[in-house]
Amino acid sequence: MKKQSKKNIAEIKKRFLERYGAATTELEFASDYELLVAIILSAQCTDKRVNIITKGLFAALPTVEAMADSSVEEIASLIKSCSYFNNKAKNLLAMAQNVVANFGGSIPHDEASLKSLAGVGQKTAHVFMIEFLHQNYMAVDTHVFRTAHRLGLSSAKTAVKTEEDLTKAYMSELAVLHQAMVLFGRYICKAKNPLCDSECFLADFCQSRSNFKPA
């Protein structure tokens, strides 16, 4: 696959910002605790489904302390319509207990501390810092990975390496570009039946319709 020229990379950024410059996450939250839980739940689950689940979850467990005092069984029963709910319940309980025990009950806001929590890897930490703190990070989920590869912005085999390519290519306004690529991949540059001819505003840069996935 041919990598895009600097001119094309700049034009792709310009179009993304024109289309999605004011975009924010579709996850619903009212605090850093709620956002982190929602992001953890969103792995391999749609934001729409997560928003349905968290209404009941946060009514029952409104604080990180309440979640820490809960049990895997209770959390699992509250998120059972989510993919991999048993594993996510274990992670949520461990995350909450770690926050209470080691961070005074306050969700940490730095990458290293966030990544020390159960269920929080680099992507989750970066999404949190993007959405809650509006910091200049890139996060690569399946939508961003697919979009980056179809547009020739990366040929890396992993999400982490793809993140490095995008960060190097764009450097600034990464948080907005992350959200733009998520929405673009979710609604236009879809894995199946992408809307190449009817709605894509970047079709002239597309190099492949393959459904790229991280290794």
C-alpha atoms as a PDB file:
ATOM      1  CA  MET A   1       0.000   0.000   0.000  1.00  0.00           C
ATOM      2  CA  LYS A   2       1.330   3.427  -0.947  1.00  0.00           C
ATOM      3  CA  LYS A   3       1.676   5.937   1.885  1.00  0.00           C
ATOM      4  CA  GLN A   4       0.049   9.310   1.397  1.00  0.00           C
ATOM      5  CA  SER A   5       2.118  12.384   0.603  1.00  0.00           C
ATOM      6  CA  LYS A   6       2.424  15.179   3.148  1.00  0.00           C
ATOM      7  CA  LYS A   7       0.101  17.275   0.992  1.00  0.00           C
ATOM      8  CA  ASN A   8      -2.560  14.567   0.998  1.00  0.00           C
ATOM      9  CA  ILE A   9      -2.147  13.938   4.731  1.00  0.00           C
ATOM     10  CA  ALA A  10      -2.760  17.636   5.355  1.00  0.00           C
ATOM     11  CA  GLU A  11      -5.824  17.654   3.094  1.00  0.00           C
ATOM     12  CA  ILE A  12      -7.285  14.607   4.826  1.00  0.00           C
ATOM     13  CA  LYS A  13      -6.874  16.374   8.174  1.00  0.00           C
ATOM     14  CA  LYS A  14      -8.496  19.529   6.808  1.00  0.00           C
ATOM     15  CA  ARG A  15     -11.557  17.612   5.618  1.00  0.00           C
ATOM     16  CA  PHE A  16     -11.873  15.679   8.869  1.00  0.00           C
ATOM     17  CA  LEU A  17     -11.789  18.906  10.886  1.00  0.00           C
ATOM     18  CA  GLU A  18     -14.295  20.603   8.587  1.00  0.00           C
ATOM     19  CA  ARG A  19     -16.721  17.697   8.937  1.00  0.00           C
ATOM     20  CA  TYR A  20     -16.192  16.692  12.573  1.00  0.00           C
ATOM     21  CA  GLY A  21     -14.504  19.661  14.244  1.00  0.00           C
ATOM     22  CA  ALA A  22     -17.118  19.875  17.003  1.00  0.00           C
ATOM     23  CA  ALA A  23     -17.613  16.135  17.474  1.00  0.00           C
ATOM     24  CA  THR A  24     -17.571  14.535  20.919  1.00  0.00           C
ATOM     25  CA  THR A  25     -17.976  11.010  22.197  1.00  0.00           C
ATOM     26  CA  GLU A  26     -21.381   9.362  21.897  1.00  0.00           C
ATOM     27  CA  LEU A  27     -20.939   7.827  25.348  1.00  0.00           C
ATOM     28  CA  GLU A  28     -23.098   9.507  28.010  1.00  0.00           C
ATOM     29  CA  PHE A  29     -21.434  10.435  31.318  1.00  0.00           C
ATOM     30  CA  ALA A  30     -21.596  12.985  34.121  1.00  0.00           C
ATOM     31  CA  SER A  31     -18.232  12.415  35.846  1.00  0.00           C
ATOM     32  CA  ASP A  32     -14.796  10.943  35.330  1.00  0.00           C
ATOM     33  CA  TYR A  33     -15.952   7.783  37.126  1.00  0.00           C
ATOM     34  CA  GLU A  34     -18.898   7.368  34.761  1.00  0.00           C
ATOM     35  CA  LEU A  35     -16.747   8.031  31.702  1.00  0.00           C
ATOM     36  CA  LEU A  36     -14.083   5.493  32.656  1.00  0.00           C
ATOM     37  CA  VAL A  37     -16.692   2.816  33.349  1.00  0.00           C
ATOM     38  CA  ALA A  38     -18.443   3.557  30.057  1.00  0.00           C
ATOM     39  CA  ILE A  39     -15.177   3.281  28.098  1.00  0.00           C
ATOM     40  CA  ILE A  40     -14.336  -0.041  29.746  1.00  0.00           C
ATOM     41  CA  LEU A  41     -17.799  -1.345  28.856  1.00  0.00           C
ATOM     42  CA  SER A  42     -17.548  -0.074  25.275  1.00  0.00           C
ATOM     43  CA  ALA A  43     -14.859  -2.585  24.251  1.00  0.00           C
ATOM     44  CA  GLN A  44     -16.485  -4.722  21.543  1.00  0.00           C
ATOM     45  CA  CYS A  45     -19.855  -3.206  22.428  1.00  0.00           C
ATOM     46  CA  THR A  46     -21.699  -0.306  20.786  1.00  0.00           C
ATOM     47  CA  ASP A  47     -21.946   3.078  22.463  1.00  0.00           C
ATOM     48  CA  LYS A  48     -25.725   2.896  22.092  1.00  0.00           C
ATOM     49  CA  ARG A  49     -25.848  -0.336  24.087  1.00  0.00           C
ATOM     50  CA  VAL A  50     -23.427   1.019  26.711  1.00  0.00           C
ATOM     51  CA  ASN A  51     -25.612   4.096  27.235  1.00  0.00           C
ATOM     52  CA  ILE A  52     -28.589   1.853  27.907  1.00  0.00           C
ATOM     53  CA  ILE A  53     -26.601  -0.274  30.370  1.00  0.00           C
ATOM     54  CA  THR A  54     -25.040   2.587  32.306  1.00  0.00           C
ATOM     55  CA  LYS A  55     -28.377   4.204  33.149  1.00  0.00           C
ATOM     56  CA  GLY A  56     -29.224   1.287  35.426  1.00  0.00           C
ATOM     57  CA  LEU A  57     -25.628   0.672  36.483  1.00  0.00           C
ATOM     58  CA  PHE A  58     -25.052   4.212  37.737  1.00  0.00           C
ATOM     59  CA  ALA A  59     -28.449   4.335  39.423  1.00  0.00           C
ATOM     60  CA  ALA A  60     -27.408   1.283  41.447  1.00  0.00           C
ATOM     61  CA  LEU A  61     -23.710   2.153  41.861  1.00  0.00           C
ATOM     62  CA  PRO A  62     -23.460   5.953  41.581  1.00  0.00           C
ATOM     63  CA  THR A  63     -19.894   6.303  42.896  1.00  0.00           C
ATOM     64  CA  VAL A  64     -16.604   4.479  42.654  1.00  0.00           C
ATOM     65  CA  GLU A  65     -16.921   3.690  46.372  1.00  0.00           C
ATOM     66  CA  ALA A  66     -20.299   2.055  45.776  1.00  0.00           C
ATOM     67  CA  MET A  67     -18.819  -0.053  43.002  1.00  0.00           C
ATOM     68  CA  ALA A  68     -15.845  -0.998  45.176  1.00  0.00           C
ATOM     69  CA  ASP A  69     -18.237  -2.208  47.877  1.00  0.00           C
ATOM     70  CA  SER A  70     -20.249  -4.232  45.355  1.00  0.00           C
ATOM     71  CA  SER A  71     -19.509  -7.727  44.052  1.00  0.00           C
ATOM     72  CA  VAL A  72     -18.702  -9.329  40.724  1.00  0.00           C
ATOM     73  CA  GLU A  73     -22.122 -10.981  40.771  1.00  0.00           C
ATOM     74  CA  GLU A  74     -24.000  -7.719  41.327  1.00  0.00           C
ATOM     75  CA  ILE A  75     -22.046  -5.820  38.685  1.00  0.00           C
ATOM     76  CA  ALA A  76     -22.454  -8.682  36.211  1.00  0.00           C
ATOM     77  CA  SER A  77     -26.214  -8.676  36.754  1.00  0.00           C
ATOM     78  CA  LEU A  78     -26.313  -4.944  35.992  1.00  0.00           C
ATOM     79  CA  ILE A  79     -24.270  -5.202  32.774  1.00  0.00           C
ATOM     80  CA  LYS A  80     -25.384  -8.627  31.533  1.00  0.00           C
ATOM     81  CA  SER A  81     -26.528  -7.298  28.146  1.00  0.00           C
ATOM     82  CA  CYS A  82     -22.965  -6.129  27.445  1.00  0.00           C
ATOM     83  CA  SER A  83     -20.474  -8.270  25.550  1.00  0.00           C
ATOM     84  CA  TYR A  84     -18.063 -10.192  27.820  1.00  0.00           C
ATOM     85  CA  PHE A  85     -20.007  -8.990  30.865  1.00  0.00           C
ATOM     86  CA  ASN A  86     -18.455 -11.476  33.299  1.00  0.00           C
ATOM     87  CA  ASN A  87     -14.907 -10.396  32.540  1.00  0.00           C
ATOM     88  CA  LYS A  88     -15.874  -6.729  32.499  1.00  0.00           C
ATOM     89  CA  ALA A  89     -17.595  -7.113  35.879  1.00  0.00           C
ATOM     90  CA  LYS A  90     -14.367  -8.502  37.363  1.00  0.00           C
ATOM     91  CA  ASN A  91     -12.371  -5.633  35.864  1.00  0.00           C
ATOM     92  CA  LEU A  92     -14.821  -2.976  37.053  1.00  0.00           C
ATOM     93  CA  LEU A  93     -14.754  -4.277  40.626  1.00  0.00           C
ATOM     94  CA  ALA A  94     -10.952  -4.502  40.653  1.00  0.00           C
ATOM     95  CA  MET A  95     -10.670  -1.047  39.077  1.00  0.00           C
ATOM     96  CA  ALA A  96     -12.951   0.529  41.690  1.00  0.00           C
ATOM     97  CA  GLN A  97     -11.211  -1.177  44.591  1.00  0.00           C
ATOM     98  CA  ASN A  98      -7.811  -0.026  43.288  1.00  0.00           C
ATOM     99  CA  VAL A  99      -9.045   3.564  42.952  1.00  0.00           C
ATOM    100  CA  VAL A 100     -10.392   3.560  46.518  1.00  0.00           C
ATOM    101  CA  ALA A 101      -7.339   1.843  48.002  1.00  0.00           C
ATOM    102  CA  ASN A 102      -4.579   3.623  46.106  1.00  0.00           C
ATOM    103  CA  PHE A 103      -5.986   6.892  44.727  1.00  0.00           C
ATOM    104  CA  GLY A 104      -8.159   8.122  47.570  1.00  0.00           C
ATOM    105  CA  GLY A 105     -11.355   7.369  45.710  1.00  0.00           C
ATOM    106  CA  SER A 106     -10.493   9.756  42.860  1.00  0.00           C
ATOM    107  CA  ILE A 107     -10.107   8.509  39.287  1.00  0.00           C
ATOM    108  CA  PRO A 108      -6.492   9.226  38.273  1.00  0.00           C
ATOM    109  CA  HIS A 109      -5.996  11.474  35.280  1.00  0.00           C
ATOM    110  CA  ASP A 110      -2.509  10.497  34.109  1.00  0.00           C
ATOM    111  CA  GLU A 111      -1.719   7.717  31.660  1.00  0.00           C
ATOM    112  CA  ALA A 112       0.535   5.599  33.882  1.00  0.00           C
ATOM    113  CA  SER A 113      -1.928   5.553  36.780  1.00  0.00           C
ATOM    114  CA  LEU A 114      -4.890   4.872  34.522  1.00  0.00           C
ATOM    115  CA  LYS A 115      -3.064   1.929  32.946  1.00  0.00           C
ATOM    116  CA  SER A 116      -2.457   0.467  36.401  1.00  0.00           C
ATOM    117  CA  LEU A 117      -6.227  -0.088  36.722  1.00  0.00           C
ATOM    118  CA  ALA A 118      -7.900  -3.350  35.702  1.00  0.00           C
ATOM    119  CA  GLY A 119      -9.480  -3.199  32.265  1.00  0.00           C
ATOM    120  CA  VAL A 120      -7.547  -0.081  31.260  1.00  0.00           C
ATOM    121  CA  GLY A 121      -4.974  -0.369  28.497  1.00  0.00           C
ATOM    122  CA  GLN A 122      -3.396   2.323  26.374  1.00  0.00           C
ATOM    123  CA  LYS A 123      -6.445   2.847  24.159  1.00  0.00           C
ATOM    124  CA  THR A 124      -8.824   3.176  27.109  1.00  0.00           C
ATOM    125  CA  ALA A 125      -6.461   5.546  28.929  1.00  0.00           C
ATOM    126  CA  HIS A 126      -6.067   7.728  25.854  1.00  0.00           C
ATOM    127  CA  VAL A 127      -9.800   7.819  25.145  1.00  0.00           C
ATOM    128  CA  PHE A 128     -10.374   8.914  28.751  1.00  0.00           C
ATOM    129  CA  MET A 129      -7.787  11.687  28.497  1.00  0.00           C
ATOM    130  CA  ILE A 130      -9.177  12.772  25.131  1.00  0.00           C
ATOM    131  CA  GLU A 131     -12.796  12.934  26.218  1.00  0.00           C
ATOM    132  CA  PHE A 132     -12.496  14.127  29.828  1.00  0.00           C
ATOM    133  CA  LEU A 133      -9.339  16.235  29.707  1.00  0.00           C
ATOM    134  CA  HIS A 134      -9.323  17.207  25.994  1.00  0.00           C
ATOM    135  CA  GLN A 135      -5.645  16.317  25.808  1.00  0.00           C
ATOM    136  CA  ASN A 136      -3.677  15.894  22.596  1.00  0.00           C
ATOM    137  CA  TYR A 137      -3.703  12.091  22.264  1.00  0.00           C
ATOM    138  CA  MET A 138      -4.631   9.622  19.555  1.00  0.00           C
ATOM    139  CA  ALA A 139      -6.457   6.402  20.397  1.00  0.00           C
ATOM    140  CA  VAL A 140      -6.911   3.583  17.898  1.00  0.00           C
ATOM    141  CA  ASP A 141      -9.995   1.380  18.011  1.00  0.00           C
ATOM    142  CA  THR A 142     -11.238  -0.830  15.172  1.00  0.00           C
ATOM    143  CA  HIS A 143     -12.838   2.140  13.379  1.00  0.00           C
ATOM    144  CA  VAL A 144      -9.699   4.276  13.525  1.00  0.00           C
ATOM    145  CA  PHE A 145      -7.503   1.334  12.547  1.00  0.00           C
ATOM    146  CA  ARG A 146      -9.638   0.513   9.504  1.00  0.00           C
ATOM    147  CA  THR A 147      -9.904   4.145   8.423  1.00  0.00           C
ATOM    148  CA  ALA A 148      -6.177   4.803   8.801  1.00  0.00           C
ATOM    149  CA  HIS A 149      -5.309   1.789   6.660  1.00  0.00           C
ATOM    150  CA  ARG A 150      -7.893   2.408   3.969  1.00  0.00           C
ATOM    151  CA  LEU A 151      -6.671   5.989   3.630  1.00  0.00           C
ATOM    152  CA  GLY A 152      -3.003   4.982   3.486  1.00  0.00           C
ATOM    153  CA  LEU A 153      -2.117   6.774   6.724  1.00  0.00           C
ATOM    154  CA  SER A 154      -0.585   3.634   8.215  1.00  0.00           C
ATOM    155  CA  SER A 155       0.352   0.120   7.205  1.00  0.00           C
ATOM    156  CA  ALA A 156       1.200  -1.026  10.740  1.00  0.00           C
ATOM    157  CA  LYS A 157      -0.170  -4.359  11.904  1.00  0.00           C
ATOM    158  CA  THR A 158      -1.048  -3.321  15.469  1.00  0.00           C
ATOM    159  CA  ALA A 159      -3.194  -0.610  17.012  1.00  0.00           C
ATOM    160  CA  VAL A 160      -0.249   0.749  19.024  1.00  0.00           C
ATOM    161  CA  LYS A 161       1.955   1.129  15.945  1.00  0.00           C
ATOM    162  CA  THR A 162      -0.921   2.651  14.000  1.00  0.00           C
ATOM    163  CA  GLU A 163      -1.357   5.161  16.814  1.00  0.00           C
ATOM    164  CA  GLU A 164       2.334   6.033  16.507  1.00  0.00           C
ATOM    165  CA  ASP A 165       1.964   6.582  12.739  1.00  0.00           C
ATOM    166  CA  LEU A 166      -1.074   8.845  13.164  1.00  0.00           C
ATOM    167  CA  THR A 167       0.537  10.806  15.990  1.00  0.00           C
ATOM    168  CA  LYS A 168       3.664  11.371  13.902  1.00  0.00           C
ATOM    169  CA  ALA A 169       1.651  12.325  10.825  1.00  0.00           C
ATOM    170  CA  TYR A 170      -0.627  14.830  12.541  1.00  0.00           C
ATOM    171  CA  MET A 171       0.979  15.859  15.861  1.00  0.00           C
ATOM    172  CA  SER A 172      -1.686  18.464  16.704  1.00  0.00           C
ATOM    173  CA  GLU A 173      -5.479  18.303  17.132  1.00  0.00           C
ATOM    174  CA  LEU A 174      -5.177  14.571  17.720  1.00  0.00           C
ATOM    175  CA  ALA A 175      -8.174  14.415  20.053  1.00  0.00           C
ATOM    176  CA  VAL A 176     -10.476  15.869  17.407  1.00  0.00           C
ATOM    177  CA  LEU A 177      -8.998  13.651  14.713  1.00  0.00           C
ATOM    178  CA  HIS A 178      -9.522  10.583  16.894  1.00  0.00           C
ATOM    179  CA  GLN A 179     -13.203  11.354  17.307  1.00  0.00           C
ATOM    180  CA  ALA A 180     -13.516  12.244  13.619  1.00  0.00           C
ATOM    181  CA  MET A 181     -12.044   8.922  12.540  1.00  0.00           C
ATOM    182  CA  VAL A 182     -14.252   7.008  14.976  1.00  0.00           C
ATOM    183  CA  LEU A 183     -17.403   8.601  13.570  1.00  0.00           C
ATOM    184  CA  PHE A 184     -16.195   8.326   9.989  1.00  0.00           C
ATOM    185  CA  GLY A 185     -15.446   4.625  10.450  1.00  0.00           C
ATOM    186  CA  ARG A 186     -18.663   3.969  12.343  1.00  0.00           C
ATOM    187  CA  TYR A 187     -21.076   5.608   9.909  1.00  0.00           C
ATOM    188  CA  ILE A 188     -19.368   6.034   6.515  1.00  0.00           C
ATOM    189  CA  CYS A 189     -16.196   3.959   6.175  1.00  0.00           C
ATOM    190  CA  LYS A 190     -17.938   0.914   7.644  1.00  0.00           C
ATOM    191  CA  ALA A 191     -16.369  -2.543   7.789  1.00  0.00           C
ATOM    192  CA  LYS A 192     -19.129  -3.950   5.600  1.00  0.00           C
ATOM    193  CA  ASN A 193     -20.775  -1.987   2.826  1.00  0.00           C
ATOM    194  CA  PRO A 194     -18.853   1.288   3.248  1.00  0.00           C
ATOM    195  CA  LEU A 195     -20.657   4.302   1.781  1.00  0.00           C
ATOM    196  CA  CYS A 196     -17.906   5.029  -0.713  1.00  0.00           C
ATOM    197  CA  ASP A 197     -20.022   6.382  -3.535  1.00  0.00           C
ATOM    198  CA  SER A 198     -22.845   8.079  -1.675  1.00  0.00           C
ATOM    199  CA  GLU A 199     -21.414   9.791   1.417  1.00  0.00           C
ATOM    200  CA  CYS A 200     -17.619   9.503   1.556  1.00  0.00           C
ATOM    201  CA  PHE A 201     -15.861  12.886   1.445  1.00  0.00           C
ATOM    202  CA  LEU A 202     -12.432  11.203   1.318  1.00  0.00           C
ATOM    203  CA  ALA A 203     -13.039   8.719  -1.505  1.00  0.00           C
ATOM    204  CA  ASP A 204     -10.319  10.292  -3.638  1.00  0.00           C
ATOM    205  CA  PHE A 205      -7.743   9.234  -1.041  1.00  0.00           C
ATOM    206  CA  CYS A 206      -9.022   5.697  -0.443  1.00  0.00           C
ATOM    207  CA  GLN A 207      -6.548   2.938  -1.276  1.00  0.00           C
ATOM    208  CA  SER A 208      -8.521  -0.168  -0.346  1.00  0.00           C
ATOM    209  CA  ARG A 209     -11.930  -1.388   0.785  1.00  0.00           C
ATOM    210  CA  SER A 210     -10.380  -4.266   2.735  1.00  0.00           C
ATOM    211  CA  ASN A 211     -11.676  -4.721   6.272  1.00  0.00           C
ATOM    212  CA  PHE A 212      -8.405  -4.124   8.107  1.00  0.00           C
ATOM    213  CA  LYS A 213      -8.141  -5.390  11.684  1.00  0.00           C
ATOM    214  CA  PRO A 214      -5.299  -5.126  14.214  1.00  0.00           C
ATOM    215  CA  ALA A 215      -3.079  -8.185  14.495  1.00  0.00           C
END
